[in-house]
Each structure stands twice: as C-alpha cells, then as structure tokens.
C-alpha cells in the first residue's frame, strides 16, 4: 500500500537495533538507490560480484543441495482491512 511504512523488524527474533551495523545482501540496482531505496547508497564496505544476481541464484540452485522454502509466517500484516 502506498505510504505504508515498516514499523518494526527483527533478525532471528531479536529486534533490529537502529544504531547497530548490519551486513545485508541486495542486488546492484537496489544498492544504487533504484526504486527509491536511496538509503542503501549509504552502505559502506560494499562488495560486488561480476555477473547478474540471477547468475548467483542459478549457481546456488544448481549446486545440488535442496533449498527449502522460508517460513510462511515471517511477515505479519497489522492492517487487515486493506487487501
């Protein structure tokens, strides 16, 4: 929904500390501010790999190890009146 904002986040059940440092993974488009994610451009110690993110996904899935789906309850919608 346009104008909605994330109000809380947790990592492994622990609330995200807004003053802590975290390492995140994203594609180059978003890391460079694409789709309005301009805050990601402030990241430091950035590492990039050659190729496209889909190449890394294909290599990972082709490695042979099964990849189980994530938990279905990892996102909680607070406003249930909006579809």
PDB file of N, CA and C in Angstrom:
ATOM      1  N   UNK A   1       0.852  -1.169   0.000  1.00  0.00           N
ATOM      2  CA  UNK A   1       0.000   0.000   0.000  1.00  0.00           C
ATOM      3  C   UNK A   1       0.901   1.238   0.000  1.00  0.00           C
ATOM      4  N   UNK A   2       0.621   2.165  -0.895  1.00  0.00           N
ATOM      5  CA  UNK A   2       1.420   3.374  -0.981  1.00  0.00           C
ATOM      6  C   UNK A   2       1.350   4.162   0.321  1.00  0.00           C
ATOM      7  N   UNK A   3       2.501   4.630   0.784  1.00  0.00           N
ATOM      8  CA  UNK A   3       2.566   5.418   2.015  1.00  0.00           C
ATOM      9  C   UNK A   3       2.752   4.577   3.267  1.00  0.00           C
ATOM     10  N   UNK A   4       2.639   3.249   3.160  1.00  0.00           N
ATOM     11  CA  UNK A   4       2.820   2.378   4.318  1.00  0.00           C
ATOM     12  C   UNK A   4       4.300   2.299   4.652  1.00  0.00           C
ATOM     13  N   UNK A   5       4.608   2.093   5.897  1.00  0.00           N
ATOM     14  CA  UNK A   5       5.993   2.026   6.338  1.00  0.00           C
ATOM     15  C   UNK A   5       6.200   0.825   7.255  1.00  0.00           C
ATOM     16  N   UNK A   6       7.406   0.316   7.221  1.00  0.00           N
ATOM     17  CA  UNK A   6       7.782  -0.747   8.148  1.00  0.00           C
ATOM     18  C   UNK A   6       7.922  -0.113   9.518  1.00  0.00           C
ATOM     19  N   UNK A   7       7.290  -0.698  10.514  1.00  0.00           N
ATOM     20  CA  UNK A   7       7.336  -0.131  11.864  1.00  0.00           C
ATOM     21  C   UNK A   7       8.204  -0.939  12.812  1.00  0.00           C
ATOM     22  N   UNK A   8       8.520  -2.173  12.458  1.00  0.00           N
ATOM     23  CA  UNK A   8       9.366  -2.995  13.325  1.00  0.00           C
ATOM     24  C   UNK A   8      10.013  -4.090  12.485  1.00  0.00           C
ATOM     25  N   UNK A   9      11.246  -4.438  12.845  1.00  0.00           N
ATOM     26  CA  UNK A   9      11.954  -5.525  12.177  1.00  0.00           C
ATOM     27  C   UNK A   9      12.731  -6.315  13.217  1.00  0.00           C
ATOM     28  N   UNK A  10      12.903  -7.603  12.933  1.00  0.00           N
ATOM     29  CA  UNK A  10      13.672  -8.461  13.827  1.00  0.00           C
ATOM     30  C   UNK A  10      14.539  -9.386  12.983  1.00  0.00           C
ATOM     31  N   UNK A  11      15.652  -9.800  13.549  1.00  0.00           N
ATOM     32  CA  UNK A  11      16.558 -10.743  12.915  1.00  0.00           C
ATOM     33  C   UNK A  11      16.735 -11.904  13.873  1.00  0.00           C
ATOM     34  N   UNK A  12      16.275 -13.063  13.487  1.00  0.00           N
ATOM     35  CA  UNK A  12      16.351 -14.224  14.370  1.00  0.00           C
ATOM     36  C   UNK A  12      15.575 -14.016  15.656  1.00  0.00           C
ATOM     37  N   UNK A  13      14.479 -13.241  15.586  1.00  0.00           N
ATOM     38  CA  UNK A  13      13.653 -12.982  16.765  1.00  0.00           C
ATOM     39  C   UNK A  13      14.132 -11.818  17.621  1.00  0.00           C
ATOM     40  N   UNK A  14      15.289 -11.252  17.309  1.00  0.00           N
ATOM     41  CA  UNK A  14      15.824 -10.117  18.058  1.00  0.00           C
ATOM     42  C   UNK A  14      15.531  -8.831  17.305  1.00  0.00           C
ATOM     43  N   UNK A  15      14.932  -7.840  17.964  1.00  0.00           N
ATOM     44  CA  UNK A  15      14.640  -6.582  17.272  1.00  0.00           C
ATOM     45  C   UNK A  15      15.899  -5.956  16.680  1.00  0.00           C
ATOM     46  N   UNK A  16      15.755  -5.386  15.501  1.00  0.00           N
ATOM     47  CA  UNK A  16      16.862  -4.689  14.843  1.00  0.00           C
ATOM     48  C   UNK A  16      17.206  -3.449  15.661  1.00  0.00           C
ATOM     49  N   UNK A  17      18.484  -3.273  15.931  1.00  0.00           N
ATOM     50  CA  UNK A  17      18.981  -2.108  16.662  1.00  0.00           C
ATOM     51  C   UNK A  17      19.275  -1.013  15.642  1.00  0.00           C
ATOM     52  N   UNK A  18      18.575   0.122  15.693  1.00  0.00           N
ATOM     53  CA  UNK A  18      18.771   1.156  14.672  1.00  0.00           C
ATOM     54  C   UNK A  18      20.157   1.789  14.659  1.00  0.00           C
ATOM     55  N   UNK A  19      20.940   1.617  15.699  1.00  0.00           N
ATOM     56  CA  UNK A  19      22.290   2.185  15.701  1.00  0.00           C
ATOM     57  C   UNK A  19      23.376   1.133  15.468  1.00  0.00           C
ATOM     58  N   UNK A  20      22.987  -0.118  15.341  1.00  0.00           N
ATOM     59  CA  UNK A  20      23.959  -1.190  15.094  1.00  0.00           C
ATOM     60  C   UNK A  20      24.315  -1.235  13.612  1.00  0.00           C
ATOM     61  N   UNK A  21      25.366  -1.959  13.297  1.00  0.00           N
ATOM     62  CA  UNK A  21      25.797  -2.160  11.923  1.00  0.00           C
ATOM     63  C   UNK A  21      25.428  -3.575  11.500  1.00  0.00           C
ATOM     64  N   UNK A  22      24.840  -3.700  10.321  1.00  0.00           N
ATOM     65  CA  UNK A  22      24.440  -4.996   9.786  1.00  0.00           C
ATOM     66  C   UNK A  22      24.975  -5.139   8.371  1.00  0.00           C
ATOM     67  N   UNK A  23      25.279  -6.345   7.989  1.00  0.00           N
ATOM     68  CA  UNK A  23      25.662  -6.638   6.605  1.00  0.00           C
ATOM     69  C   UNK A  23      24.420  -7.172   5.914  1.00  0.00           C
ATOM     70  N   UNK A  24      24.077  -6.587   4.799  1.00  0.00           N
ATOM     71  CA  UNK A  24      22.898  -7.005   4.046  1.00  0.00           C
ATOM     72  C   UNK A  24      23.296  -7.378   2.627  1.00  0.00           C
ATOM     73  N   UNK A  25      22.453  -8.125   1.993  1.00  0.00           N
ATOM     74  CA  UNK A  25      22.663  -8.515   0.608  1.00  0.00           C
ATOM     75  C   UNK A  25      21.510  -7.992  -0.219  1.00  0.00           C
ATOM     76  N   UNK A  26      21.838  -7.401  -1.333  1.00  0.00           N
ATOM     77  CA  UNK A  26      20.830  -6.926  -2.267  1.00  0.00           C
ATOM     78  C   UNK A  26      21.427  -6.922  -3.661  1.00  0.00           C
ATOM     79  N   UNK A  27      20.592  -6.687  -4.639  1.00  0.00           N
ATOM     80  CA  UNK A  27      21.139  -6.601  -5.986  1.00  0.00           C
ATOM     81  C   UNK A  27      21.690  -5.199  -6.242  1.00  0.00           C
ATOM     82  N   UNK A  28      22.461  -5.060  -7.291  1.00  0.00           N
ATOM     83  CA  UNK A  28      23.139  -3.809  -7.597  1.00  0.00           C
ATOM     84  C   UNK A  28      22.149  -2.675  -7.845  1.00  0.00           C
ATOM     85  N   UNK A  29      21.031  -2.978  -8.478  1.00  0.00           N
ATOM     86  CA  UNK A  29      20.020  -1.960  -8.772  1.00  0.00           C
ATOM     87  C   UNK A  29      19.531  -1.285  -7.492  1.00  0.00           C
ATOM     88  N   UNK A  30      19.144  -2.077  -6.505  1.00  0.00           N
ATOM     89  CA  UNK A  30      18.655  -1.509  -5.243  1.00  0.00           C
ATOM     90  C   UNK A  30      19.789  -0.870  -4.449  1.00  0.00           C
ATOM     91  N   UNK A  31      20.975  -1.482  -4.465  1.00  0.00           N
ATOM     92  CA  UNK A  31      22.110  -0.926  -3.727  1.00  0.00           C
ATOM     93  C   UNK A  31      22.487   0.463  -4.232  1.00  0.00           C
ATOM     94  N   UNK A  32      22.192   0.730  -5.492  1.00  0.00           N
ATOM     95  CA  UNK A  32      22.498   2.033  -6.073  1.00  0.00           C
ATOM     96  C   UNK A  32      21.314   2.992  -6.012  1.00  0.00           C
ATOM     97  N   UNK A  33      20.304   2.663  -5.200  1.00  0.00           N
ATOM     98  CA  UNK A  33      19.192   3.584  -4.977  1.00  0.00           C
ATOM     99  C   UNK A  33      17.981   3.362  -5.851  1.00  0.00           C
ATOM    100  N   UNK A  34      17.982   2.303  -6.644  1.00  0.00           N
ATOM    101  CA  UNK A  34      16.849   2.024  -7.514  1.00  0.00           C
ATOM    102  C   UNK A  34      15.558   1.831  -6.749  1.00  0.00           C
ATOM    103  N   UNK A  35      14.435   2.142  -7.403  1.00  0.00           N
ATOM    104  CA  UNK A  35      13.099   2.039  -6.821  1.00  0.00           C
ATOM    105  C   UNK A  35      12.945   2.887  -5.564  1.00  0.00           C
ATOM    106  N   UNK A  36      13.769   3.916  -5.440  1.00  0.00           N
ATOM    107  CA  UNK A  36      13.635   4.837  -4.312  1.00  0.00           C
ATOM    108  C   UNK A  36      14.319   4.377  -3.030  1.00  0.00           C
ATOM    109  N   UNK A  37      15.087   3.294  -3.074  1.00  0.00           N
ATOM    110  CA  UNK A  37      15.792   2.814  -1.888  1.00  0.00           C
ATOM    111  C   UNK A  37      17.101   3.583  -1.726  1.00  0.00           C
ATOM    112  N   UNK A  38      17.008   4.887  -1.636  1.00  0.00           N
ATOM    113  CA  UNK A  38      18.204   5.724  -1.615  1.00  0.00           C
ATOM    114  C   UNK A  38      19.044   5.524  -0.359  1.00  0.00           C
ATOM    115  N   UNK A  39      18.472   5.062   0.718  1.00  0.00           N
ATOM    116  CA  UNK A  39      19.228   4.846   1.959  1.00  0.00           C
ATOM    117  C   UNK A  39      20.296   3.779   1.764  1.00  0.00           C
ATOM    118  N   UNK A  40      20.047   2.837   0.864  1.00  0.00           N
ATOM    119  CA  UNK A  40      21.027   1.777   0.624  1.00  0.00           C
ATOM    120  C   UNK A  40      22.322   2.318   0.024  1.00  0.00           C
ATOM    121  N   UNK A  41      22.281   3.484  -0.597  1.00  0.00           N
ATOM    122  CA  UNK A  41      23.507   4.046  -1.182  1.00  0.00           C
ATOM    123  C   UNK A  41      24.497   4.480  -0.105  1.00  0.00           C
ATOM    124  N   UNK A  42      24.054   4.598   1.131  1.00  0.00           N
ATOM    125  CA  UNK A  42      24.935   4.997   2.227  1.00  0.00           C
ATOM    126  C   UNK A  42      25.728   3.822   2.792  1.00  0.00           C
ATOM    127  N   UNK A  43      25.507   2.625   2.259  1.00  0.00           N
ATOM    128  CA  UNK A  43      26.222   1.449   2.748  1.00  0.00           C
ATOM    129  C   UNK A  43      27.720   1.588   2.566  1.00  0.00           C
ATOM    130  N   UNK A  44      28.464   1.026   3.490  1.00  0.00           N
ATOM    131  CA  UNK A  44      29.922   1.073   3.419  1.00  0.00           C
ATOM    132  C   UNK A  44      30.473  -0.332   3.228  1.00  0.00           C
ATOM    133  N   UNK A  45      31.719  -0.423   2.849  1.00  0.00           N
ATOM    134  CA  UNK A  45      32.390  -1.712   2.653  1.00  0.00           C
ATOM    135  C   UNK A  45      31.611  -2.587   1.678  1.00  0.00           C
ATOM    136  N   UNK A  46      31.139  -1.943   0.596  1.00  0.00           N
ATOM    137  CA  UNK A  46      30.336  -2.659  -0.390  1.00  0.00           C
ATOM    138  C   UNK A  46      31.196  -3.638  -1.174  1.00  0.00           C
ATOM    139  N   UNK A  47      30.631  -4.774  -1.485  1.00  0.00           N
ATOM    140  CA  UNK A  47      31.300  -5.774  -2.310  1.00  0.00           C
ATOM    141  C   UNK A  47      30.377  -6.111  -3.472  1.00  0.00           C
ATOM    142  N   UNK A  48      30.928  -6.220  -4.632  1.00  0.00           N
ATOM    143  CA  UNK A  48      30.138  -6.593  -5.795  1.00  0.00           C
ATOM    144  C   UNK A  48      30.793  -7.782  -6.465  1.00  0.00           C
ATOM    145  N   UNK A  49      29.998  -8.512  -7.168  1.00  0.00           N
ATOM    146  CA  UNK A  49      30.496  -9.685  -7.880  1.00  0.00           C
ATOM    147  C   UNK A  49      30.183  -9.506  -9.362  1.00  0.00           C
ATOM    148  N   UNK A  50      30.970 -10.085 -10.212  1.00  0.00           N
ATOM    149  CA  UNK A  50      30.663  -9.975 -11.638  1.00  0.00           C
ATOM    150  C   UNK A  50      29.392 -10.752 -11.984  1.00  0.00           C
ATOM    151  N   UNK A  51      28.741 -10.347 -13.032  1.00  0.00           N
ATOM    152  CA  UNK A  51      27.535 -11.038 -13.469  1.00  0.00           C
ATOM    153  C   UNK A  51      26.296 -10.423 -12.865  1.00  0.00           C
ATOM    154  N   UNK A  52      25.208 -11.135 -12.999  1.00  0.00           N
ATOM    155  CA  UNK A  52      23.917 -10.673 -12.517  1.00  0.00           C
ATOM    156  C   UNK A  52      23.472 -11.507 -11.331  1.00  0.00           C
ATOM    157  N   UNK A  53      22.561 -10.958 -10.525  1.00  0.00           N
ATOM    158  CA  UNK A  53      22.096 -11.699  -9.356  1.00  0.00           C
ATOM    159  C   UNK A  53      21.437 -13.016  -9.752  1.00  0.00           C
ATOM    160  N   UNK A  54      20.806 -13.058 -10.905  1.00  0.00           N
ATOM    161  CA  UNK A  54      20.182 -14.304 -11.335  1.00  0.00           C
ATOM    162  C   UNK A  54      21.243 -15.383 -11.594  1.00  0.00           C
ATOM    163  N   UNK A  55      22.445 -14.977 -12.002  1.00  0.00           N
ATOM    164  CA  UNK A  55      23.523 -15.952 -12.199  1.00  0.00           C
ATOM    165  C   UNK A  55      23.900 -16.620 -10.883  1.00  0.00           C
ATOM    166  N   UNK A  56      23.963 -15.838  -9.814  1.00  0.00           N
ATOM    167  CA  UNK A  56      24.277 -16.400  -8.497  1.00  0.00           C
ATOM    168  C   UNK A  56      23.162 -17.334  -8.037  1.00  0.00           C
ATOM    169  N   UNK A  57      21.917 -16.975  -8.295  1.00  0.00           N
ATOM    170  CA  UNK A  57      20.793 -17.835  -7.911  1.00  0.00           C
ATOM    171  C   UNK A  57      20.845 -19.159  -8.666  1.00  0.00           C
ATOM    172  N   UNK A  58      21.076 -19.106  -9.957  1.00  0.00           N
ATOM    173  CA  UNK A  58      21.154 -20.320 -10.757  1.00  0.00           C
ATOM    174  C   UNK A  58      22.298 -21.214 -10.265  1.00  0.00           C
ATOM    175  N   UNK A  59      23.455 -20.616  -9.961  1.00  0.00           N
ATOM    176  CA  UNK A  59      24.592 -21.393  -9.461  1.00  0.00           C
ATOM    177  C   UNK A  59      24.257 -22.039  -8.122  1.00  0.00           C
ATOM    178  N   UNK A  60      23.584 -21.291  -7.243  1.00  0.00           N
ATOM    179  CA  UNK A  60      23.235 -21.827  -5.930  1.00  0.00           C
ATOM    180  C   UNK A  60      22.241 -22.978  -6.057  1.00  0.00           C
ATOM    181  N   UNK A  61      21.208 -22.784  -6.852  1.00  0.00           N
ATOM    182  CA  UNK A  61      20.211 -23.842  -7.019  1.00  0.00           C
ATOM    183  C   UNK A  61      20.782 -25.047  -7.752  1.00  0.00           C
ATOM    184  N   UNK A  62      21.747 -24.811  -8.628  1.00  0.00           N
ATOM    185  CA  UNK A  62      22.353 -25.904  -9.368  1.00  0.00           C
ATOM    186  C   UNK A  62      23.410 -26.660  -8.593  1.00  0.00           C
ATOM    187  N   UNK A  63      23.729 -26.211  -7.384  1.00  0.00           N
ATOM    188  CA  UNK A  63      24.766 -26.862  -6.583  1.00  0.00           C
ATOM    189  C   UNK A  63      24.323 -28.222  -6.056  1.00  0.00           C
ATOM    190  N   UNK A  64      23.036 -28.523  -6.172  1.00  0.00           N
ATOM    191  CA  UNK A  64      22.569 -29.845  -5.785  1.00  0.00           C
ATOM    192  C   UNK A  64      21.914 -29.942  -4.426  1.00  0.00           C
ATOM    193  N   UNK A  65      22.173 -29.008  -3.525  1.00  0.00           N
ATOM    194  CA  UNK A  65      21.570 -29.077  -2.195  1.00  0.00           C
ATOM    195  C   UNK A  65      20.113 -28.609  -2.277  1.00  0.00           C
ATOM    196  N   UNK A  66      19.207 -29.276  -1.597  1.00  0.00           N
ATOM    197  CA  UNK A  66      17.813 -28.811  -1.615  1.00  0.00           C
ATOM    198  C   UNK A  66      17.684 -27.454  -0.922  1.00  0.00           C
ATOM    199  N   UNK A  67      16.799 -26.646  -1.426  1.00  0.00           N
ATOM    200  CA  UNK A  67      16.566 -25.319  -0.868  1.00  0.00           C
ATOM    201  C   UNK A  67      15.127 -25.275  -0.372  1.00  0.00           C
ATOM    202  N   UNK A  68      14.939 -25.388   0.945  1.00  0.00           N
ATOM    203  CA  UNK A  68      13.569 -25.385   1.470  1.00  0.00           C
ATOM    204  C   UNK A  68      12.981 -23.977   1.441  1.00  0.00           C
ATOM    205  N   UNK A  69      11.656 -23.878   1.359  1.00  0.00           N
ATOM    206  CA  UNK A  69      11.032 -22.548   1.405  1.00  0.00           C
ATOM    207  C   UNK A  69      11.167 -21.949   2.795  1.00  0.00           C
ATOM    208  N   UNK A  70      11.107 -20.631   2.862  1.00  0.00           N
ATOM    209  CA  UNK A  70      11.152 -19.948   4.153  1.00  0.00           C
ATOM    210  C   UNK A  70       9.851 -20.134   4.903  1.00  0.00           C
ATOM    211  N   UNK A  71       9.811 -19.732   6.161  1.00  0.00           N
ATOM    212  CA  UNK A  71       8.580 -19.885   6.940  1.00  0.00           C
ATOM    213  C   UNK A  71       7.460 -19.016   6.376  1.00  0.00           C
ATOM    214  N   UNK A  72       6.244 -19.552   6.364  1.00  0.00           N
ATOM    215  CA  UNK A  72       5.095 -18.838   5.800  1.00  0.00           C
ATOM    216  C   UNK A  72       4.636 -17.692   6.699  1.00  0.00           C
ATOM    217  N   UNK A  73       5.050 -17.689   7.950  1.00  0.00           N
ATOM    218  CA  UNK A  73       4.569 -16.664   8.887  1.00  0.00           C
ATOM    219  C   UNK A  73       5.619 -15.597   9.181  1.00  0.00           C
ATOM    220  N   UNK A  74       6.572 -15.385   8.276  1.00  0.00           N
ATOM    221  CA  UNK A  74       7.655 -14.440   8.551  1.00  0.00           C
ATOM    222  C   UNK A  74       7.250 -12.988   8.393  1.00  0.00           C
ATOM    223  N   UNK A  75       6.104 -12.705   7.754  1.00  0.00           N
ATOM    224  CA  UNK A  75       5.612 -11.342   7.595  1.00  0.00           C
ATOM    225  C   UNK A  75       4.242 -11.240   8.260  1.00  0.00           C
ATOM    226  N   UNK A  76       4.069 -10.210   9.075  1.00  0.00           N
ATOM    227  CA  UNK A  76       2.802 -10.023   9.772  1.00  0.00           C
ATOM    228  C   UNK A  76       2.161  -8.720   9.302  1.00  0.00           C
ATOM    229  N   UNK A  77       0.974  -8.803   8.762  1.00  0.00           N
ATOM    230  CA  UNK A  77       0.238  -7.621   8.333  1.00  0.00           C
ATOM    231  C   UNK A  77      -0.601  -7.137   9.525  1.00  0.00           C
ATOM    232  N   UNK A  78      -0.419  -5.883   9.900  1.00  0.00           N
ATOM    233  CA  UNK A  78      -1.148  -5.331  11.034  1.00  0.00           C
ATOM    234  C   UNK A  78      -2.501  -4.764  10.625  1.00  0.00           C
ATOM    235  N   UNK A  79      -2.583  -4.171   9.427  1.00  0.00           N
ATOM    236  CA  UNK A  79      -3.820  -3.599   8.949  1.00  0.00           C
ATOM    237  C   UNK A  79      -4.532  -4.625   8.091  1.00  0.00           C
ATOM    238  N   UNK A  80      -5.508  -5.325   8.661  1.00  0.00           N
ATOM    239  CA  UNK A  80      -6.184  -6.395   7.930  1.00  0.00           C
ATOM    240  C   UNK A  80      -7.358  -5.876   7.119  1.00  0.00           C
ATOM    241  N   UNK A  81      -7.633  -4.559   7.155  1.00  0.00           N
ATOM    242  CA  UNK A  81      -8.752  -4.025   6.377  1.00  0.00           C
ATOM    243  C   UNK A  81      -8.348  -3.718   4.942  1.00  0.00           C
ATOM    244  N   UNK A  82      -7.049  -3.674   4.648  1.00  0.00           N
ATOM    245  CA  UNK A  82      -6.556  -3.384   3.308  1.00  0.00           C
ATOM    246  C   UNK A  82      -6.092  -4.673   2.655  1.00  0.00           C
ATOM    247  N   UNK A  83      -6.539  -4.951   1.443  1.00  0.00           N
ATOM    248  CA  UNK A  83      -6.121  -6.210   0.780  1.00  0.00           C
ATOM    249  C   UNK A  83      -4.659  -6.207   0.444  1.00  0.00           C
TER     250      UNK A  83
END
